Amino acid sequence: MSVRHFLSLFDLTREELLAILGRATELKRQRAEGVRSPVLEHRVLAMIFEKSSTRTRVSFEVAMREAGGGAIFLSPSDSQLGRGEPIQDTARVLSQMCDAITARTFSHQTVEELAAAATVPVINALTDRLHPCQLLADMQTFREHRGDIKGRRVAWVGDGNNMCNTYIEAAQLFGFQLAIACPLGYLPRVEEYVRGPADIEICATPQAAVAGADLVATDVWVSMGQEAEAAQRRRDFETFQVDAALMAGARSDALFLHCLPAHRGEEVAAEVIDHPHSVVWDEAGNRLHAQKALLEFLLPQKKRG
């Protein structure tokens, strides 16, 4: 059986994604009941992180520990990657010692090169192009609060970044309508992420995108590596804040999602992120369950001798 990677949502079928979400909800319920199934017993996950992280690192490490396995954290400063070892060589070495590799990198090309050389599953934990693990948690969160997202309207407001790109992929796989509102110059390259029928609309204003939405999502205006652009970005995005007035145009029961960390007073107002319809804390917590289910899918239990 050939190794499976998870660099993009498109690496799995709709049916496989739904099965993972279902399993994530089951694992979450079991955890609440005090059950920790050792589905990843004796497995080891190598974690390559070029970017700092809270939710991604903690969720992967806890997922492995709770499922009976372990995780090894590698940053450029404490591995040979920081001294110029080719990423392909690192992939070959880690494949000999670990059962899977997850990577949080600046360039999407890095995870593609890892996957091309690795003989174990490689998981994209965030790149400049995509953040598929976060979308698993987002979809799980919506399902838990509102049911099936198929046929619903989702509004993306803000930067046409890696999260926006992954929502474009998700719209096709999960069958929801996606309305995108970004300032000029920050629009996503939609055509690069469309592989089939897609109900995706580019809106001129945030108000148009949010109108009638079941879900409103956003992200920071200044991501890691964009600090030099911070002042200009804040000027360009100042009319794209998700505040109570904007949310009033969505459905009365619309949910709000943000992958975090959030900057209150910039991309989102405190009155929105701290409102009961904001489910960002469930969303953050679901990173653990969705990724545990993903790891279980990519690393089926070994048969005992």
C-alpha atoms as a PDB file:
ATOM      1  CA  MET A   1       0.000   0.000   0.000  1.00  0.00           C
ATOM      2  CA  SER A   2       1.455   3.361  -1.038  1.00  0.00           C
ATOM      3  CA  VAL A   3       2.073   6.000   1.590  1.00  0.00           C
ATOM      4  CA  ARG A   4      -0.557   8.757   1.935  1.00  0.00           C
ATOM      5  CA  HIS A   5       0.367  12.389   2.577  1.00  0.00           C
ATOM      6  CA  PHE A   6      -1.790  15.312   3.712  1.00  0.00           C
ATOM      7  CA  LEU A   7      -0.413  18.452   2.111  1.00  0.00           C
ATOM      8  CA  SER A   8      -3.790  19.677   0.845  1.00  0.00           C
ATOM      9  CA  LEU A   9      -7.417  18.810   1.499  1.00  0.00           C
ATOM     10  CA  PHE A  10      -7.417  17.390  -2.029  1.00  0.00           C
ATOM     11  CA  ASP A  11      -5.067  14.620  -0.881  1.00  0.00           C
ATOM     12  CA  LEU A  12      -8.158  12.958   0.608  1.00  0.00           C
ATOM     13  CA  THR A  13     -11.593  12.316  -0.842  1.00  0.00           C
ATOM     14  CA  ARG A  14     -14.753  13.916   0.484  1.00  0.00           C
ATOM     15  CA  GLU A  15     -15.742  10.565   1.965  1.00  0.00           C
ATOM     16  CA  GLU A  16     -12.397  10.178   3.705  1.00  0.00           C
ATOM     17  CA  LEU A  17     -12.568  13.712   5.095  1.00  0.00           C
ATOM     18  CA  LEU A  18     -16.068  13.141   6.439  1.00  0.00           C
ATOM     19  CA  ALA A  19     -14.954   9.870   8.017  1.00  0.00           C
ATOM     20  CA  ILE A  20     -12.081  11.676   9.742  1.00  0.00           C
ATOM     21  CA  LEU A  21     -14.456  14.341  11.066  1.00  0.00           C
ATOM     22  CA  GLY A  22     -16.811  11.684  12.348  1.00  0.00           C
ATOM     23  CA  ARG A  23     -13.960   9.894  14.073  1.00  0.00           C
ATOM     24  CA  ALA A  24     -12.724  13.202  15.527  1.00  0.00           C
ATOM     25  CA  THR A  25     -16.090  13.783  17.162  1.00  0.00           C
ATOM     26  CA  GLU A  26     -16.031  10.224  18.532  1.00  0.00           C
ATOM     27  CA  LEU A  27     -12.530  10.697  19.943  1.00  0.00           C
ATOM     28  CA  LYS A  28     -13.612  13.995  21.511  1.00  0.00           C
ATOM     29  CA  ARG A  29     -16.544  12.275  23.214  1.00  0.00           C
ATOM     30  CA  GLN A  30     -14.314   9.465  24.462  1.00  0.00           C
ATOM     31  CA  ARG A  31     -11.811  11.957  25.855  1.00  0.00           C
ATOM     32  CA  ALA A  32     -14.568  13.772  27.737  1.00  0.00           C
ATOM     33  CA  GLU A  33     -15.465  10.404  29.287  1.00  0.00           C
ATOM     34  CA  GLY A  34     -11.868   9.826  30.336  1.00  0.00           C
ATOM     35  CA  VAL A  35     -11.064   7.305  27.618  1.00  0.00           C
ATOM     36  CA  ARG A  36      -7.719   7.484  25.806  1.00  0.00           C
ATOM     37  CA  SER A  37      -7.540   4.856  23.067  1.00  0.00           C
ATOM     38  CA  PRO A  38      -3.914   3.812  22.330  1.00  0.00           C
ATOM     39  CA  VAL A  39      -4.484   3.878  18.580  1.00  0.00           C
ATOM     40  CA  LEU A  40      -0.974   5.259  17.941  1.00  0.00           C
ATOM     41  CA  GLU A  41       0.856   3.077  20.435  1.00  0.00           C
ATOM     42  CA  HIS A  42       4.637   3.033  19.868  1.00  0.00           C
ATOM     43  CA  ARG A  43       4.302   5.430  16.907  1.00  0.00           C
ATOM     44  CA  VAL A  44       6.575   8.475  16.712  1.00  0.00           C
ATOM     45  CA  LEU A  45       5.817  11.743  14.926  1.00  0.00           C
ATOM     46  CA  ALA A  46       8.677  13.993  13.794  1.00  0.00           C
ATOM     47  CA  MET A  47       7.661  17.668  13.906  1.00  0.00           C
ATOM     48  CA  ILE A  48       9.625  20.114  11.738  1.00  0.00           C
ATOM     49  CA  PHE A  49       8.728  23.702  12.626  1.00  0.00           C
ATOM     50  CA  GLU A  50      10.278  26.672  10.839  1.00  0.00           C
ATOM     51  CA  LYS A  51       7.555  28.911  12.311  1.00  0.00           C
ATOM     52  CA  SER A  52       6.639  29.356  15.968  1.00  0.00           C
ATOM     53  CA  SER A  53       3.351  27.873  17.114  1.00  0.00           C
ATOM     54  CA  THR A  54       1.028  27.317  20.072  1.00  0.00           C
ATOM     55  CA  ARG A  55      -2.069  25.444  18.874  1.00  0.00           C
ATOM     56  CA  THR A  56      -0.392  23.406  16.137  1.00  0.00           C
ATOM     57  CA  ARG A  57       2.525  22.206  18.242  1.00  0.00           C
ATOM     58  CA  VAL A  58       0.510  21.472  21.374  1.00  0.00           C
ATOM     59  CA  SER A  59      -2.318  19.724  19.509  1.00  0.00           C
ATOM     60  CA  PHE A  60       0.024  17.377  17.621  1.00  0.00           C
ATOM     61  CA  GLU A  61       2.127  16.572  20.672  1.00  0.00           C
ATOM     62  CA  VAL A  62      -0.897  15.945  22.887  1.00  0.00           C
ATOM     63  CA  ALA A  63      -2.567  13.879  20.147  1.00  0.00           C
ATOM     64  CA  MET A  64       0.437  11.571  19.958  1.00  0.00           C
ATOM     65  CA  ARG A  65       0.856  11.249  23.718  1.00  0.00           C
ATOM     66  CA  GLU A  66      -2.824  10.601  24.414  1.00  0.00           C
ATOM     67  CA  ALA A  67      -2.930   7.961  21.677  1.00  0.00           C
ATOM     68  CA  GLY A  68       0.025   6.091  23.141  1.00  0.00           C
ATOM     69  CA  GLY A  69       2.777   7.429  20.883  1.00  0.00           C
ATOM     70  CA  GLY A  70       5.337  10.193  21.046  1.00  0.00           C
ATOM     71  CA  ALA A  71       6.495  13.298  19.181  1.00  0.00           C
ATOM     72  CA  ILE A  72       9.901  14.838  18.542  1.00  0.00           C
ATOM     73  CA  PHE A  73      10.083  18.594  17.961  1.00  0.00           C
ATOM     74  CA  LEU A  74      12.706  19.846  15.487  1.00  0.00           C
ATOM     75  CA  SER A  75      13.430  23.500  14.796  1.00  0.00           C
ATOM     76  CA  PRO A  76      16.144  24.797  12.443  1.00  0.00           C
ATOM     77  CA  SER A  77      18.203  25.929  15.449  1.00  0.00           C
ATOM     78  CA  ASP A  78      18.462  22.434  16.938  1.00  0.00           C
ATOM     79  CA  SER A  79      18.667  20.248  13.844  1.00  0.00           C
ATOM     80  CA  GLN A  80      20.888  19.904  10.789  1.00  0.00           C
ATOM     81  CA  LEU A  81      18.268  21.760   8.759  1.00  0.00           C
ATOM     82  CA  GLY A  82      19.631  24.938  10.291  1.00  0.00           C
ATOM     83  CA  ARG A  83      23.085  24.061   8.955  1.00  0.00           C
ATOM     84  CA  GLY A  84      21.966  23.530   5.391  1.00  0.00           C
ATOM     85  CA  GLU A  85      21.136  19.828   5.191  1.00  0.00           C
ATOM     86  CA  PRO A  86      18.886  19.304   2.144  1.00  0.00           C
ATOM     87  CA  ILE A  87      15.257  18.768   3.114  1.00  0.00           C
ATOM     88  CA  GLN A  88      15.211  15.591   1.012  1.00  0.00           C
ATOM     89  CA  ASP A  89      18.028  14.095   3.100  1.00  0.00           C
ATOM     90  CA  THR A  90      16.221  14.980   6.304  1.00  0.00           C
ATOM     91  CA  ALA A  91      13.087  13.283   4.950  1.00  0.00           C
ATOM     92  CA  ARG A  92      15.007  10.095   4.164  1.00  0.00           C
ATOM     93  CA  VAL A  93      16.615   9.988   7.606  1.00  0.00           C
ATOM     94  CA  LEU A  94      13.386  10.681   9.502  1.00  0.00           C
ATOM     95  CA  SER A  95      11.586   8.034   7.436  1.00  0.00           C
ATOM     96  CA  GLN A  96      14.036   5.477   8.812  1.00  0.00           C
ATOM     97  CA  MET A  97      13.313   6.427  12.423  1.00  0.00           C
ATOM     98  CA  CYS A  98       9.815   7.899  12.658  1.00  0.00           C
ATOM     99  CA  ASP A  99       6.348   6.835  11.552  1.00  0.00           C
ATOM    100  CA  ALA A 100       5.192  10.211  10.219  1.00  0.00           C
ATOM    101  CA  ILE A 101       6.426  13.757   9.669  1.00  0.00           C
ATOM    102  CA  THR A 102       4.541  16.984  10.151  1.00  0.00           C
ATOM    103  CA  ALA A 103       6.004  20.263   8.936  1.00  0.00           C
ATOM    104  CA  ARG A 104       5.134  23.904   9.556  1.00  0.00           C
ATOM    105  CA  THR A 105       7.104  25.875   6.999  1.00  0.00           C
ATOM    106  CA  PHE A 106       7.345  29.213   5.245  1.00  0.00           C
ATOM    107  CA  SER A 107       7.322  27.706   1.755  1.00  0.00           C
ATOM    108  CA  HIS A 108       4.849  25.121   0.490  1.00  0.00           C
ATOM    109  CA  GLN A 109       7.637  23.766  -1.709  1.00  0.00           C
ATOM    110  CA  THR A 110       9.352  22.525   1.450  1.00  0.00           C
ATOM    111  CA  VAL A 111       6.533  20.126   2.373  1.00  0.00           C
ATOM    112  CA  GLU A 112       6.274  19.000  -1.251  1.00  0.00           C
ATOM    113  CA  GLU A 113       9.989  18.147  -1.255  1.00  0.00           C
ATOM    114  CA  LEU A 114       9.606  16.377   2.088  1.00  0.00           C
ATOM    115  CA  ALA A 115       6.735  14.280   0.754  1.00  0.00           C
ATOM    116  CA  ALA A 116       8.587  13.449  -2.470  1.00  0.00           C
ATOM    117  CA  ALA A 117      11.521  11.968  -0.533  1.00  0.00           C
ATOM    118  CA  ALA A 118       9.766  10.532   2.541  1.00  0.00           C
ATOM    119  CA  THR A 119       8.554   6.947   2.795  1.00  0.00           C
ATOM    120  CA  VAL A 120       6.222   7.800   5.702  1.00  0.00           C
ATOM    121  CA  PRO A 121       3.195  10.147   5.719  1.00  0.00           C
ATOM    122  CA  VAL A 122       3.957  13.877   5.612  1.00  0.00           C
ATOM    123  CA  ILE A 123       1.398  16.279   7.086  1.00  0.00           C
ATOM    124  CA  ASN A 124       1.195  19.963   6.220  1.00  0.00           C
ATOM    125  CA  ALA A 125       0.964  21.826   9.529  1.00  0.00           C
ATOM    126  CA  LEU A 126       0.908  25.204   7.689  1.00  0.00           C
ATOM    127  CA  THR A 127       2.656  26.703   4.705  1.00  0.00           C
ATOM    128  CA  ASP A 128       2.414  29.984   2.829  1.00  0.00           C
ATOM    129  CA  ARG A 129      -0.193  28.384   0.554  1.00  0.00           C
ATOM    130  CA  LEU A 130      -2.374  26.103   2.658  1.00  0.00           C
ATOM    131  CA  HIS A 131      -3.399  25.151   6.217  1.00  0.00           C
ATOM    132  CA  PRO A 132      -5.458  21.964   5.810  1.00  0.00           C
ATOM    133  CA  CYS A 133      -5.255  20.787   9.439  1.00  0.00           C
ATOM    134  CA  GLN A 134      -6.945  23.996  10.558  1.00  0.00           C
ATOM    135  CA  LEU A 135      -9.774  23.454   8.072  1.00  0.00           C
ATOM    136  CA  LEU A 136     -10.426  19.996   9.517  1.00  0.00           C
ATOM    137  CA  ALA A 137     -10.981  21.632  12.909  1.00  0.00           C
ATOM    138  CA  ASP A 138     -13.135  24.370  11.360  1.00  0.00           C
ATOM    139  CA  MET A 139     -15.367  21.851   9.607  1.00  0.00           C
ATOM    140  CA  GLN A 140     -15.645  19.732  12.755  1.00  0.00           C
ATOM    141  CA  THR A 141     -16.650  22.803  14.756  1.00  0.00           C
ATOM    142  CA  PHE A 142     -19.371  23.820  12.327  1.00  0.00           C
ATOM    143  CA  ARG A 143     -20.756  20.257  12.241  1.00  0.00           C
ATOM    144  CA  GLU A 144     -20.940  20.143  16.019  1.00  0.00           C
ATOM    145  CA  HIS A 145     -22.855  23.418  16.280  1.00  0.00           C
ATOM    146  CA  ARG A 146     -24.921  23.576  13.094  1.00  0.00           C
ATOM    147  CA  GLY A 147     -24.798  20.192  11.346  1.00  0.00           C
ATOM    148  CA  ASP A 148     -23.871  19.570   7.724  1.00  0.00           C
ATOM    149  CA  ILE A 149     -22.202  22.524   6.033  1.00  0.00           C
ATOM    150  CA  LYS A 150     -23.216  21.359   2.554  1.00  0.00           C
ATOM    151  CA  GLY A 151     -25.277  24.047   0.825  1.00  0.00           C
ATOM    152  CA  ARG A 152     -24.520  26.665   3.488  1.00  0.00           C
ATOM    153  CA  ARG A 153     -23.011  30.099   2.826  1.00  0.00           C
ATOM    154  CA  VAL A 154     -19.558  30.841   4.236  1.00  0.00           C
ATOM    155  CA  ALA A 155     -18.021  34.312   4.188  1.00  0.00           C
ATOM    156  CA  TRP A 156     -14.271  34.870   4.230  1.00  0.00           C
ATOM    157  CA  VAL A 157     -13.338  38.457   5.127  1.00  0.00           C
ATOM    158  CA  GLY A 158      -9.766  39.771   5.113  1.00  0.00           C
ATOM    159  CA  ASP A 159      -6.536  38.550   3.577  1.00  0.00           C
ATOM    160  CA  GLY A 160      -6.587  36.135   0.642  1.00  0.00           C
ATOM    161  CA  ASN A 161      -3.965  34.054   2.432  1.00  0.00           C
ATOM    162  CA  ASN A 162      -3.281  30.373   3.115  1.00  0.00           C
ATOM    163  CA  MET A 163      -6.456  30.060   5.179  1.00  0.00           C
ATOM    164  CA  CYS A 164      -8.537  31.616   2.407  1.00  0.00           C
ATOM    165  CA  ASN A 165      -6.924  29.270  -0.126  1.00  0.00           C
ATOM    166  CA  THR A 166      -7.808  26.273   2.012  1.00  0.00           C
ATOM    167  CA  TYR A 167     -11.405  27.477   2.354  1.00  0.00           C
ATOM    168  CA  ILE A 168     -11.514  27.511  -1.462  1.00  0.00           C
ATOM    169  CA  GLU A 169     -10.504  23.850  -1.440  1.00  0.00           C
ATOM    170  CA  ALA A 170     -12.955  23.061   1.366  1.00  0.00           C
ATOM    171  CA  ALA A 171     -15.862  24.685  -0.494  1.00  0.00           C
ATOM    172  CA  GLN A 172     -15.434  22.142  -3.287  1.00  0.00           C
ATOM    173  CA  LEU A 173     -14.986  19.096  -1.066  1.00  0.00           C
ATOM    174  CA  PHE A 174     -17.684  19.912   1.495  1.00  0.00           C
ATOM    175  CA  GLY A 175     -20.121  21.551  -0.938  1.00  0.00           C
ATOM    176  CA  PHE A 176     -20.671  24.990   0.571  1.00  0.00           C
ATOM    177  CA  GLN A 177     -20.935  28.387  -1.082  1.00  0.00           C
ATOM    178  CA  LEU A 178     -17.921  30.586  -0.390  1.00  0.00           C
ATOM    179  CA  ALA A 179     -18.084  34.395  -0.591  1.00  0.00           C
ATOM    180  CA  ILE A 180     -14.706  36.137  -0.375  1.00  0.00           C
ATOM    181  CA  ALA A 181     -14.080  39.804   0.400  1.00  0.00           C
ATOM    182  CA  CYS A 182     -10.479  41.073   0.349  1.00  0.00           C
ATOM    183  CA  PRO A 183      -8.938  44.492  -0.305  1.00  0.00           C
ATOM    184  CA  LEU A 184      -7.621  45.046  -3.799  1.00  0.00           C
ATOM    185  CA  GLY A 185      -4.152  43.582  -4.060  1.00  0.00           C
ATOM    186  CA  TYR A 186      -4.863  40.872  -1.507  1.00  0.00           C
ATOM    187  CA  LEU A 187      -7.271  38.658  -3.427  1.00  0.00           C
ATOM    188  CA  PRO A 188      -6.505  34.926  -3.618  1.00  0.00           C
ATOM    189  CA  ARG A 189      -5.597  33.260  -6.917  1.00  0.00           C
ATOM    190  CA  VAL A 190      -8.806  31.261  -6.926  1.00  0.00           C
ATOM    191  CA  GLU A 191      -8.046  29.424 -10.158  1.00  0.00           C
ATOM    192  CA  GLU A 192      -4.970  27.781  -8.580  1.00  0.00           C
ATOM    193  CA  TYR A 193      -7.147  26.011  -6.003  1.00  0.00           C
ATOM    194  CA  VAL A 194     -10.178  25.033  -8.071  1.00  0.00           C
ATOM    195  CA  ARG A 195     -10.272  21.480  -9.436  1.00  0.00           C
ATOM    196  CA  GLY A 196     -13.914  21.083 -10.333  1.00  0.00           C
ATOM    197  CA  PRO A 197     -17.365  22.566  -9.770  1.00  0.00           C
ATOM    198  CA  ALA A 198     -17.115  25.347  -7.214  1.00  0.00           C
ATOM    199  CA  ASP A 199     -19.605  27.872  -5.846  1.00  0.00           C
ATOM    200  CA  ILE A 200     -17.159  30.686  -5.118  1.00  0.00           C
ATOM    201  CA  GLU A 201     -17.930  34.390  -5.314  1.00  0.00           C
ATOM    202  CA  ILE A 202     -15.526  37.333  -5.084  1.00  0.00           C
ATOM    203  CA  CYS A 203     -17.391  40.210  -3.444  1.00  0.00           C
ATOM    204  CA  ALA A 204     -16.615  43.906  -3.695  1.00  0.00           C
ATOM    205  CA  THR A 205     -17.309  44.577  -0.013  1.00  0.00           C
ATOM    206  CA  PRO A 206     -17.317  42.647   3.272  1.00  0.00           C
ATOM    207  CA  GLN A 207     -21.015  43.482   3.593  1.00  0.00           C
ATOM    208  CA  ALA A 208     -21.796  41.711   0.322  1.00  0.00           C
ATOM    209  CA  ALA A 209     -19.821  38.632   1.370  1.00  0.00           C
ATOM    210  CA  VAL A 210     -21.423  38.366   4.798  1.00  0.00           C
ATOM    211  CA  ALA A 211     -25.018  38.869   3.598  1.00  0.00           C
ATOM    212  CA  GLY A 212     -26.990  35.796   4.636  1.00  0.00           C
ATOM    213  CA  ALA A 213     -23.886  33.885   5.725  1.00  0.00           C
ATOM    214  CA  ASP A 214     -24.110  30.885   8.064  1.00  0.00           C
ATOM    215  CA  LEU A 215     -20.441  31.208   8.945  1.00  0.00           C
ATOM    216  CA  VAL A 216     -18.068  34.171   8.956  1.00  0.00           C
ATOM    217  CA  ALA A 217     -14.328  33.526   9.115  1.00  0.00           C
ATOM    218  CA  THR A 218     -11.269  35.755   9.151  1.00  0.00           C
ATOM    219  CA  ASP A 219      -7.570  35.760  10.015  1.00  0.00           C
ATOM    220  CA  VAL A 220      -4.901  38.226  11.089  1.00  0.00           C
ATOM    221  CA  TRP A 221      -3.972  41.060   8.786  1.00  0.00           C
ATOM    222  CA  VAL A 222      -0.229  40.609   9.359  1.00  0.00           C
ATOM    223  CA  SER A 223       1.089  37.038   9.326  1.00  0.00           C
ATOM    224  CA  MET A 224       4.533  35.815  10.368  1.00  0.00           C
ATOM    225  CA  GLY A 225       7.114  37.071   7.916  1.00  0.00           C
ATOM    226  CA  GLN A 226       5.032  40.117   6.926  1.00  0.00           C
ATOM    227  CA  GLU A 227       6.077  42.380   9.796  1.00  0.00           C
ATOM    228  CA  ALA A 228       7.725  44.894   7.445  1.00  0.00           C
ATOM    229  CA  GLU A 229       4.348  45.384   5.731  1.00  0.00           C
ATOM    230  CA  ALA A 230       2.391  45.818   8.963  1.00  0.00           C
ATOM    231  CA  ALA A 231       1.658  49.535   8.762  1.00  0.00           C
ATOM    232  CA  GLN A 232       0.559  49.406   5.121  1.00  0.00           C
ATOM    233  CA  ARG A 233      -1.551  46.303   5.693  1.00  0.00           C
ATOM    234  CA  ARG A 234      -3.400  47.880   8.614  1.00  0.00           C
ATOM    235  CA  ARG A 235      -4.286  50.842   6.406  1.00  0.00           C
ATOM    236  CA  ASP A 236      -5.391  48.617   3.538  1.00  0.00           C
ATOM    237  CA  PHE A 237      -7.538  46.377   5.749  1.00  0.00           C
ATOM    238  CA  GLU A 238      -9.081  48.980   8.067  1.00  0.00           C
ATOM    239  CA  THR A 239     -12.559  48.651   6.486  1.00  0.00           C
ATOM    240  CA  PHE A 240     -12.426  44.848   6.627  1.00  0.00           C
ATOM    241  CA  GLN A 241     -12.766  44.399  10.377  1.00  0.00           C
ATOM    242  CA  VAL A 242     -15.389  41.864  11.451  1.00  0.00           C
ATOM    243  CA  ASP A 243     -17.425  43.846  13.955  1.00  0.00           C
ATOM    244  CA  ALA A 244     -20.984  43.643  15.250  1.00  0.00           C
ATOM    245  CA  ALA A 245     -22.312  45.845  12.446  1.00  0.00           C
ATOM    246  CA  LEU A 246     -20.839  43.516   9.828  1.00  0.00           C
ATOM    247  CA  MET A 247     -22.082  40.373  11.598  1.00  0.00           C
ATOM    248  CA  ALA A 248     -25.582  41.878  11.648  1.00  0.00           C
ATOM    249  CA  GLY A 249     -25.736  41.266   7.903  1.00  0.00           C
ATOM    250  CA  ALA A 250     -25.227  37.525   8.363  1.00  0.00           C
ATOM    251  CA  ARG A 251     -27.882  35.084   9.517  1.00  0.00           C
ATOM    252  CA  SER A 252     -28.996  35.647  13.096  1.00  0.00           C
ATOM    253  CA  ASP A 253     -27.416  32.338  14.158  1.00  0.00           C
ATOM    254  CA  ALA A 254     -24.223  32.741  12.119  1.00  0.00           C
ATOM    255  CA  LEU A 255     -21.071  31.381  13.696  1.00  0.00           C
ATOM    256  CA  PHE A 256     -17.745  33.202  13.821  1.00  0.00           C
ATOM    257  CA  LEU A 257     -14.422  31.388  13.340  1.00  0.00           C
ATOM    258  CA  HIS A 258     -10.817  32.558  13.589  1.00  0.00           C
ATOM    259  CA  CYS A 259      -7.785  30.237  13.519  1.00  0.00           C
ATOM    260  CA  LEU A 260      -6.038  32.360  16.195  1.00  0.00           C
ATOM    261  CA  PRO A 261      -4.060  34.133  17.472  1.00  0.00           C
ATOM    262  CA  ALA A 262      -6.461  37.057  17.123  1.00  0.00           C
ATOM    263  CA  HIS A 263      -5.820  40.789  17.395  1.00  0.00           C
ATOM    264  CA  ARG A 264      -8.905  42.399  18.915  1.00  0.00           C
ATOM    265  CA  GLY A 265      -9.454  45.814  17.386  1.00  0.00           C
ATOM    266  CA  GLU A 266      -7.827  44.838  14.093  1.00  0.00           C
ATOM    267  CA  GLU A 267      -9.316  41.973  12.039  1.00  0.00           C
ATOM    268  CA  VAL A 268     -12.019  41.316  14.641  1.00  0.00           C
ATOM    269  CA  ALA A 269     -13.764  43.397  17.275  1.00  0.00           C
ATOM    270  CA  ALA A 270     -13.871  42.133  20.857  1.00  0.00           C
ATOM    271  CA  GLU A 271     -17.683  42.272  20.694  1.00  0.00           C
ATOM    272  CA  VAL A 272     -17.566  39.566  17.996  1.00  0.00           C
ATOM    273  CA  ILE A 273     -14.845  37.195  19.147  1.00  0.00           C
ATOM    274  CA  ASP A 274     -16.170  37.229  22.723  1.00  0.00           C
ATOM    275  CA  HIS A 275     -19.819  36.826  21.653  1.00  0.00           C
ATOM    276  CA  PRO A 276     -21.626  33.487  22.266  1.00  0.00           C
ATOM    277  CA  HIS A 277     -21.827  32.901  18.493  1.00  0.00           C
ATOM    278  CA  SER A 278     -18.038  32.939  18.365  1.00  0.00           C
ATOM    279  CA  VAL A 279     -16.863  29.334  18.616  1.00  0.00           C
ATOM    280  CA  VAL A 280     -13.141  29.997  18.290  1.00  0.00           C
ATOM    281  CA  TRP A 281     -12.306  28.146  21.515  1.00  0.00           C
ATOM    282  CA  ASP A 282     -14.108  25.007  20.357  1.00  0.00           C
ATOM    283  CA  GLU A 283     -12.355  25.486  17.020  1.00  0.00           C
ATOM    284  CA  ALA A 284      -8.952  25.655  18.719  1.00  0.00           C
ATOM    285  CA  GLY A 285      -9.708  22.620  20.887  1.00  0.00           C
ATOM    286  CA  ASN A 286     -10.863  20.632  17.880  1.00  0.00           C
ATOM    287  CA  ARG A 287      -7.361  20.838  16.420  1.00  0.00           C
ATOM    288  CA  LEU A 288      -6.486  18.070  18.884  1.00  0.00           C
ATOM    289  CA  HIS A 289      -9.328  15.752  17.951  1.00  0.00           C
ATOM    290  CA  ALA A 290      -9.218  16.325  14.185  1.00  0.00           C
ATOM    291  CA  GLN A 291      -5.473  15.764  14.035  1.00  0.00           C
ATOM    292  CA  LYS A 292      -5.666  12.687  16.230  1.00  0.00           C
ATOM    293  CA  ALA A 293      -8.239  11.269  13.799  1.00  0.00           C
ATOM    294  CA  LEU A 294      -6.044  12.267  10.847  1.00  0.00           C
ATOM    295  CA  LEU A 295      -3.011  10.561  12.351  1.00  0.00           C
ATOM    296  CA  GLU A 296      -5.059   7.451  13.022  1.00  0.00           C
ATOM    297  CA  PHE A 297      -6.214   7.470   9.378  1.00  0.00           C
ATOM    298  CA  LEU A 298      -2.698   7.895   7.981  1.00  0.00           C
ATOM    299  CA  LEU A 299      -1.159   5.432  10.439  1.00  0.00           C
ATOM    300  CA  PRO A 300      -3.456   2.393  10.712  1.00  0.00           C
ATOM    301  CA  GLN A 301      -2.826   0.267  13.781  1.00  0.00           C
ATOM    302  CA  LYS A 302      -0.080  -2.296  13.323  1.00  0.00           C
ATOM    303  CA  LYS A 303      -1.107  -5.910  13.681  1.00  0.00           C
ATOM    304  CA  ARG A 304       0.246  -7.540  16.787  1.00  0.00           C
ATOM    305  CA  GLY A 305       2.359 -10.618  16.344  1.00  0.00           C
END
